[in-house]
Amino acid sequence: MLIVISILISVAFYTLLERKILSYIQIRKGPNKVGFMGILQPFSDAIKLFNKNLISLESMNFMLSYMTPSLSLFISICMIPIILFNFNSLIDIKHNILMFFILSSMGVYFILLIGWSSNSKYSYLGSIRSVAQMISYEVSFFMIILFIVLMSQSYSFTQMEESQKMLHFFWGNMLLFMMWLTSCLAETNRSPFDFAEGESELVSGFNVEYMGGWFALIFLSEYLSMLILSMISTIMFFSPIKSILSFIIMIIITISLIWVRGTYPRFRYDMLMNLSWKIFLPLSLLIIILPMMINFNYQ
């Protein structure tokens, strides 16, 4: 419970960090009024959002509209126990990578339900885009994880830690790491792959009819999944979050996910699909042959 609350508070400050970084990229001041240098801004935003009235349209599917934002956040919270902290994972099972597979795949359904249940054309189009994008990138996303699994010969994060005592998987797999980070951005619907909420053509995408507490829950879910993917990236390519160095690497990854938003313009949708199916998928399939050959020769 303590870890979950701590991570949710860190998500609040992560939104503040994003606003600060983007403001300095755009040569302006970010939030700087509430508290010292705007440090209490996330809490004032949360109070404002959760105090707003929830307005339901007559065409909405009420039950699903009320349930799906909280279920989306719940799926993200369920990923926290499988991550290795200073004292191994809270659920120390042999197959926590498979658990991560299942939970991250389930997130797609809730985004589809969020868009469909509001019964609005914009939100429905946004959710369809989001699902197509997430499914496309999940193929190469899981192929990269499978490569790490073959390297460590285990589905367990604990065994991954043991396998990286001599040399981190990052060294020699830098191309794979860049592909992984790009897939993480596409998985979490972040810029330059934020087609689900493309303001220029879809107003606000799948969450256009959601306000107040609903919007806050969807927002929390997105940022929490970014933090979790940063932690998992550190575990897979460096080592578990036990040393100061691995903690610094995790912070660098989380900041780079924000930095991309301030640097790159939004892709065209056909370019996003071409990148996934014509570049990432063939590359990940080629790369995965290498550890299989190593394992075969070793045996």
Protein backbone atom coordinates (compact mmCIF):
# COMPACT_ATOMS: atom_id res chain seq x y z
CA MET A 1 0.00 0.00 0.00
CA LEU A 2 2.87 2.34 0.90
CA ILE A 3 4.61 1.66 -2.46
CA VAL A 4 1.37 2.21 -4.44
CA ILE A 5 0.66 5.54 -2.66
CA SER A 6 4.29 6.66 -3.13
CA ILE A 7 4.17 5.87 -6.86
CA LEU A 8 0.83 7.68 -7.28
CA ILE A 9 2.34 10.77 -5.59
CA SER A 10 5.38 10.46 -7.88
CA VAL A 11 2.97 10.42 -10.87
CA ALA A 12 1.56 13.75 -9.64
CA PHE A 13 5.04 15.27 -9.51
CA TYR A 14 5.91 13.67 -12.86
CA THR A 15 3.16 15.80 -14.48
CA LEU A 16 4.74 18.86 -12.84
CA LEU A 17 8.18 17.83 -14.15
CA GLU A 18 6.74 17.51 -17.66
CA ARG A 19 5.17 20.97 -17.52
CA LYS A 20 8.42 22.47 -16.23
CA ILE A 21 10.61 20.77 -18.89
CA LEU A 22 8.22 21.72 -21.72
CA SER A 23 8.06 25.32 -20.48
CA TYR A 24 11.86 25.67 -20.48
CA ILE A 25 12.06 24.04 -23.96
CA GLN A 26 9.55 26.71 -25.13
CA ILE A 27 11.47 29.50 -23.29
CA ARG A 28 8.82 30.37 -20.71
CA LYS A 29 8.08 29.75 -17.05
CA GLY A 30 6.03 26.71 -16.12
CA PRO A 31 3.76 26.48 -13.04
CA ASN A 32 5.33 28.85 -10.50
CA LYS A 33 2.53 30.30 -8.36
CA VAL A 34 1.17 27.49 -6.14
CA GLY A 35 3.75 26.77 -3.44
CA PHE A 36 7.52 27.22 -3.83
CA MET A 37 8.29 27.26 -7.62
CA GLY A 38 4.87 25.71 -8.29
CA ILE A 39 5.65 22.50 -6.38
CA LEU A 40 2.07 22.18 -5.07
CA GLN A 41 0.49 22.65 -8.53
CA PRO A 42 -0.36 18.92 -9.01
CA PHE A 43 -2.37 18.90 -5.76
CA SER A 44 -4.33 22.05 -6.70
CA ASP A 45 -5.05 20.49 -10.13
CA ALA A 46 -6.25 17.27 -8.47
CA ILE A 47 -8.56 19.19 -6.08
CA LYS A 48 -9.95 21.21 -9.02
CA LEU A 49 -10.55 18.13 -11.21
CA PHE A 50 -12.13 15.94 -8.52
CA ASN A 51 -14.44 18.79 -7.40
CA LYS A 52 -15.91 19.22 -10.87
CA ASN A 53 -19.40 17.93 -11.63
CA LEU A 54 -19.59 14.90 -13.93
CA ILE A 55 -21.97 15.61 -16.81
CA SER A 56 -23.29 12.50 -18.57
CA LEU A 57 -24.69 12.67 -22.09
CA GLU A 58 -27.99 10.92 -22.76
CA SER A 59 -26.33 8.77 -25.44
CA MET A 60 -23.58 7.57 -23.04
CA ASN A 61 -23.43 4.04 -21.71
CA PHE A 62 -23.51 5.12 -18.04
CA MET A 63 -22.16 2.01 -16.34
CA LEU A 64 -19.16 1.60 -18.68
CA SER A 65 -18.44 5.35 -18.70
CA TYR A 66 -18.23 5.41 -14.90
CA MET A 67 -16.24 2.17 -14.62
CA THR A 68 -13.64 2.26 -17.44
CA PRO A 69 -11.46 5.24 -16.30
CA SER A 70 -10.95 3.68 -12.86
CA LEU A 71 -10.38 0.20 -14.37
CA SER A 72 -7.74 1.70 -16.69
CA LEU A 73 -5.88 3.07 -13.65
CA PHE A 74 -6.40 -0.22 -11.77
CA ILE A 75 -4.63 -2.19 -14.56
CA SER A 76 -1.64 0.19 -14.35
CA ILE A 77 -1.52 -0.18 -10.52
CA CYS A 78 -1.61 -4.00 -10.90
CA MET A 79 1.78 -3.81 -12.68
CA ILE A 80 3.53 -2.27 -9.65
CA PRO A 81 3.87 -5.52 -7.56
CA ILE A 82 5.75 -7.36 -10.34
CA ILE A 83 8.57 -4.76 -10.46
CA LEU A 84 11.83 -5.47 -8.64
CA PHE A 85 12.59 -2.97 -5.91
CA ASN A 86 15.30 -3.07 -3.25
CA PHE A 87 13.84 -6.26 -1.76
CA ASN A 88 12.78 -8.25 -4.89
CA SER A 89 9.27 -7.95 -6.27
CA LEU A 90 6.22 -7.90 -4.00
CA ILE A 91 4.89 -10.90 -5.95
CA ASP A 92 8.10 -12.86 -6.51
CA ILE A 93 6.90 -15.31 -9.14
CA LYS A 94 8.90 -17.11 -11.83
CA HIS A 95 6.86 -15.61 -14.65
CA ASN A 96 6.47 -11.89 -13.87
CA ILE A 97 7.30 -11.00 -17.52
CA LEU A 98 4.23 -13.00 -18.64
CA MET A 99 2.19 -11.15 -15.99
CA PHE A 100 3.39 -7.87 -17.53
CA PHE A 101 2.43 -9.16 -21.02
CA ILE A 102 -1.12 -9.92 -19.89
CA LEU A 103 -1.68 -6.66 -17.97
CA SER A 104 -0.25 -4.40 -20.70
CA SER A 105 -2.41 -6.18 -23.34
CA MET A 106 -5.54 -5.68 -21.22
CA GLY A 107 -4.98 -1.91 -21.16
CA VAL A 108 -6.00 -1.78 -24.85
CA TYR A 109 -9.53 -3.01 -24.08
CA PHE A 110 -10.17 -0.27 -21.53
CA ILE A 111 -9.09 2.48 -23.96
CA LEU A 112 -11.46 0.98 -26.56
CA LEU A 113 -14.28 0.89 -23.99
CA ILE A 114 -13.56 4.49 -22.88
CA GLY A 115 -13.99 5.67 -26.48
CA TRP A 116 -16.94 3.41 -27.34
CA SER A 117 -19.01 3.92 -24.18
CA SER A 118 -19.16 7.73 -24.54
CA ASN A 119 -21.00 7.21 -27.89
CA SER A 120 -19.29 10.13 -29.61
CA LYS A 121 -17.77 10.02 -33.11
CA TYR A 122 -14.55 11.78 -32.10
CA SER A 123 -13.89 9.60 -29.06
CA TYR A 124 -14.77 6.43 -31.01
CA LEU A 125 -12.33 7.35 -33.81
CA GLY A 126 -9.67 8.19 -31.23
CA SER A 127 -10.06 4.86 -29.43
CA ILE A 128 -9.93 2.90 -32.73
CA ARG A 129 -6.72 4.71 -33.67
CA SER A 130 -5.28 4.02 -30.24
CA VAL A 131 -6.12 0.29 -30.39
CA ALA A 132 -4.66 -0.09 -33.91
CA GLN A 133 -1.51 1.71 -32.78
CA MET A 134 -1.07 -0.25 -29.55
CA ILE A 135 -1.68 -3.64 -31.20
CA SER A 136 0.80 -2.79 -34.00
CA TYR A 137 3.56 -1.86 -31.58
CA GLU A 138 2.84 -4.67 -29.11
CA VAL A 139 4.18 -7.20 -31.63
CA SER A 140 7.70 -5.68 -31.79
CA PHE A 141 7.37 -4.66 -28.11
CA PHE A 142 6.92 -8.30 -27.04
CA MET A 143 9.57 -9.52 -29.50
CA ILE A 144 12.13 -7.29 -27.76
CA ILE A 145 11.04 -8.66 -24.36
CA LEU A 146 11.35 -12.19 -25.78
CA PHE A 147 14.93 -11.38 -26.85
CA ILE A 148 15.79 -10.38 -23.26
CA VAL A 149 14.02 -13.54 -21.98
CA LEU A 150 16.17 -15.69 -24.28
CA MET A 151 19.32 -13.85 -23.18
CA SER A 152 18.56 -14.42 -19.49
CA GLN A 153 16.89 -17.84 -20.11
CA SER A 154 14.08 -16.97 -17.72
CA TYR A 155 10.73 -15.17 -17.48
CA SER A 156 11.69 -13.82 -14.06
CA PHE A 157 13.05 -10.32 -13.37
CA THR A 158 15.18 -11.82 -10.58
CA GLN A 159 16.96 -14.08 -13.09
CA MET A 160 17.46 -11.07 -15.39
CA GLU A 161 19.30 -9.36 -12.55
CA GLU A 162 21.56 -12.42 -12.14
CA SER A 163 22.25 -12.52 -15.90
CA GLN A 164 23.40 -8.88 -15.93
CA LYS A 165 25.95 -9.10 -13.10
CA MET A 166 28.86 -9.41 -15.57
CA LEU A 167 27.56 -7.13 -18.34
CA HIS A 168 24.34 -5.14 -18.84
CA PHE A 169 22.18 -6.14 -21.81
CA PHE A 170 22.27 -2.50 -22.99
CA TRP A 171 25.85 -2.92 -24.24
CA GLY A 172 25.68 -4.50 -27.68
CA ASN A 173 21.89 -4.00 -27.89
CA MET A 174 21.71 -0.21 -28.25
CA LEU A 175 19.64 -0.43 -31.45
CA LEU A 176 17.19 -2.72 -29.65
CA PHE A 177 17.04 -0.27 -26.72
CA MET A 178 16.15 2.61 -29.07
CA MET A 179 13.44 0.45 -30.68
CA TRP A 180 12.16 -0.43 -27.19
CA LEU A 181 11.94 3.25 -26.13
CA THR A 182 10.10 4.16 -29.37
CA SER A 183 7.68 1.26 -28.78
CA CYS A 184 7.16 2.51 -25.20
CA LEU A 185 6.15 5.94 -26.55
CA ALA A 186 3.71 4.31 -29.01
CA GLU A 187 2.34 1.98 -26.28
CA THR A 188 1.54 4.88 -23.96
CA ASN A 189 0.10 7.10 -26.76
CA ARG A 190 2.77 9.73 -26.17
CA SER A 191 4.04 12.34 -28.62
CA PRO A 192 5.08 11.97 -31.46
CA PHE A 193 2.60 9.03 -31.56
CA ASP A 194 -0.34 10.72 -29.80
CA PHE A 195 -2.86 10.05 -32.58
CA ALA A 196 -5.57 8.96 -30.15
CA GLU A 197 -5.83 12.54 -28.87
CA GLY A 198 -4.74 14.46 -31.99
CA GLU A 199 -6.17 17.90 -31.15
CA SER A 200 -5.95 19.14 -34.75
CA GLU A 201 -8.31 16.48 -36.14
CA LEU A 202 -9.99 14.67 -33.19
CA VAL A 203 -10.53 17.54 -30.68
CA SER A 204 -9.21 15.45 -27.75
CA GLY A 205 -9.61 11.90 -28.99
CA PHE A 206 -10.99 9.08 -26.86
CA ASN A 207 -11.36 11.23 -23.70
CA VAL A 208 -13.26 14.13 -25.35
CA GLU A 209 -16.48 13.47 -23.37
CA TYR A 210 -14.70 12.86 -20.05
CA MET A 211 -14.24 15.66 -17.54
CA GLY A 212 -13.24 16.18 -13.92
CA GLY A 213 -12.47 13.00 -12.00
CA TRP A 214 -12.88 10.79 -15.08
CA PHE A 215 -10.24 12.74 -16.99
CA ALA A 216 -7.92 12.75 -13.94
CA LEU A 217 -8.09 8.93 -13.70
CA ILE A 218 -7.31 8.47 -17.44
CA PHE A 219 -4.48 11.02 -17.09
CA LEU A 220 -3.07 9.21 -14.02
CA SER A 221 -3.23 5.86 -15.83
CA GLU A 222 -1.22 7.21 -18.79
CA TYR A 223 1.52 8.76 -16.66
CA LEU A 224 1.69 5.76 -14.33
CA SER A 225 2.22 3.41 -17.29
CA MET A 226 5.06 5.71 -18.47
CA LEU A 227 6.78 5.45 -15.08
CA ILE A 228 6.28 1.66 -14.94
CA LEU A 229 7.71 1.22 -18.46
CA SER A 230 10.73 3.33 -17.42
CA MET A 231 11.28 1.01 -14.43
CA ILE A 232 10.90 -2.12 -16.60
CA SER A 233 13.31 -0.64 -19.21
CA THR A 234 15.89 -0.16 -16.46
CA ILE A 235 15.41 -3.74 -15.18
CA MET A 236 15.62 -5.26 -18.68
CA PHE A 237 18.59 -3.36 -20.09
CA PHE A 238 20.57 -2.30 -17.02
CA SER A 239 19.78 -3.79 -13.62
CA PRO A 240 16.97 -3.66 -11.01
CA ILE A 241 16.38 -0.39 -9.17
CA LYS A 242 18.69 -1.17 -6.26
CA SER A 243 21.70 1.08 -6.83
CA ILE A 244 21.97 4.85 -7.25
CA LEU A 245 23.21 4.36 -10.85
CA SER A 246 20.15 2.34 -11.93
CA PHE A 247 17.89 4.93 -10.24
CA ILE A 248 19.63 7.73 -12.20
CA ILE A 249 19.20 5.73 -15.45
CA MET A 250 15.48 5.35 -14.68
CA ILE A 251 15.16 9.13 -14.17
CA ILE A 252 17.01 9.78 -17.48
CA ILE A 253 14.57 7.46 -19.31
CA THR A 254 11.51 9.17 -17.75
CA ILE A 255 12.87 12.63 -18.67
CA SER A 256 13.70 11.50 -22.23
CA LEU A 257 10.05 10.39 -22.70
CA ILE A 258 9.04 14.00 -21.88
CA TRP A 259 11.87 15.55 -23.91
CA VAL A 260 10.66 13.79 -27.08
CA ARG A 261 7.30 15.58 -26.72
CA GLY A 262 8.98 18.97 -26.72
CA THR A 263 11.24 18.15 -29.70
CA TYR A 264 9.41 16.11 -32.36
CA PRO A 265 6.23 16.96 -34.30
CA ARG A 266 3.38 14.42 -34.57
CA PHE A 267 3.88 11.64 -37.15
CA ARG A 268 1.50 10.95 -40.00
CA TYR A 269 -0.64 7.89 -39.25
CA ASP A 270 0.56 5.85 -42.26
CA MET A 271 4.19 6.58 -41.26
CA LEU A 272 3.45 5.20 -37.78
CA MET A 273 2.10 1.93 -39.27
CA ASN A 274 4.99 1.65 -41.76
CA LEU A 275 7.52 2.13 -38.93
CA SER A 276 5.90 -0.67 -36.95
CA TRP A 277 5.22 -3.31 -39.62
CA LYS A 278 7.99 -2.61 -42.15
CA ILE A 279 10.92 -1.60 -39.91
CA PHE A 280 10.50 -2.62 -36.25
CA LEU A 281 8.92 -6.05 -36.82
CA PRO A 282 11.50 -7.36 -39.38
CA LEU A 283 14.37 -5.95 -37.28
CA SER A 284 13.11 -7.51 -34.04
CA LEU A 285 12.59 -10.88 -35.81
CA LEU A 286 16.16 -10.74 -37.16
CA ILE A 287 17.62 -9.78 -33.78
CA ILE A 288 15.76 -12.58 -31.95
CA ILE A 289 17.49 -15.24 -34.11
CA LEU A 290 20.89 -14.37 -32.52
CA PRO A 291 20.23 -15.54 -28.89
CA MET A 292 18.43 -18.63 -30.25
CA MET A 293 21.59 -19.57 -32.19
CA ILE A 294 23.76 -18.85 -29.11
CA ASN A 295 21.52 -21.06 -26.92
CA PHE A 296 21.54 -23.86 -29.54
CA ASN A 297 25.36 -23.80 -29.81
CA TYR A 298 25.69 -23.63 -26.01
CA GLN A 299 23.52 -26.73 -25.56
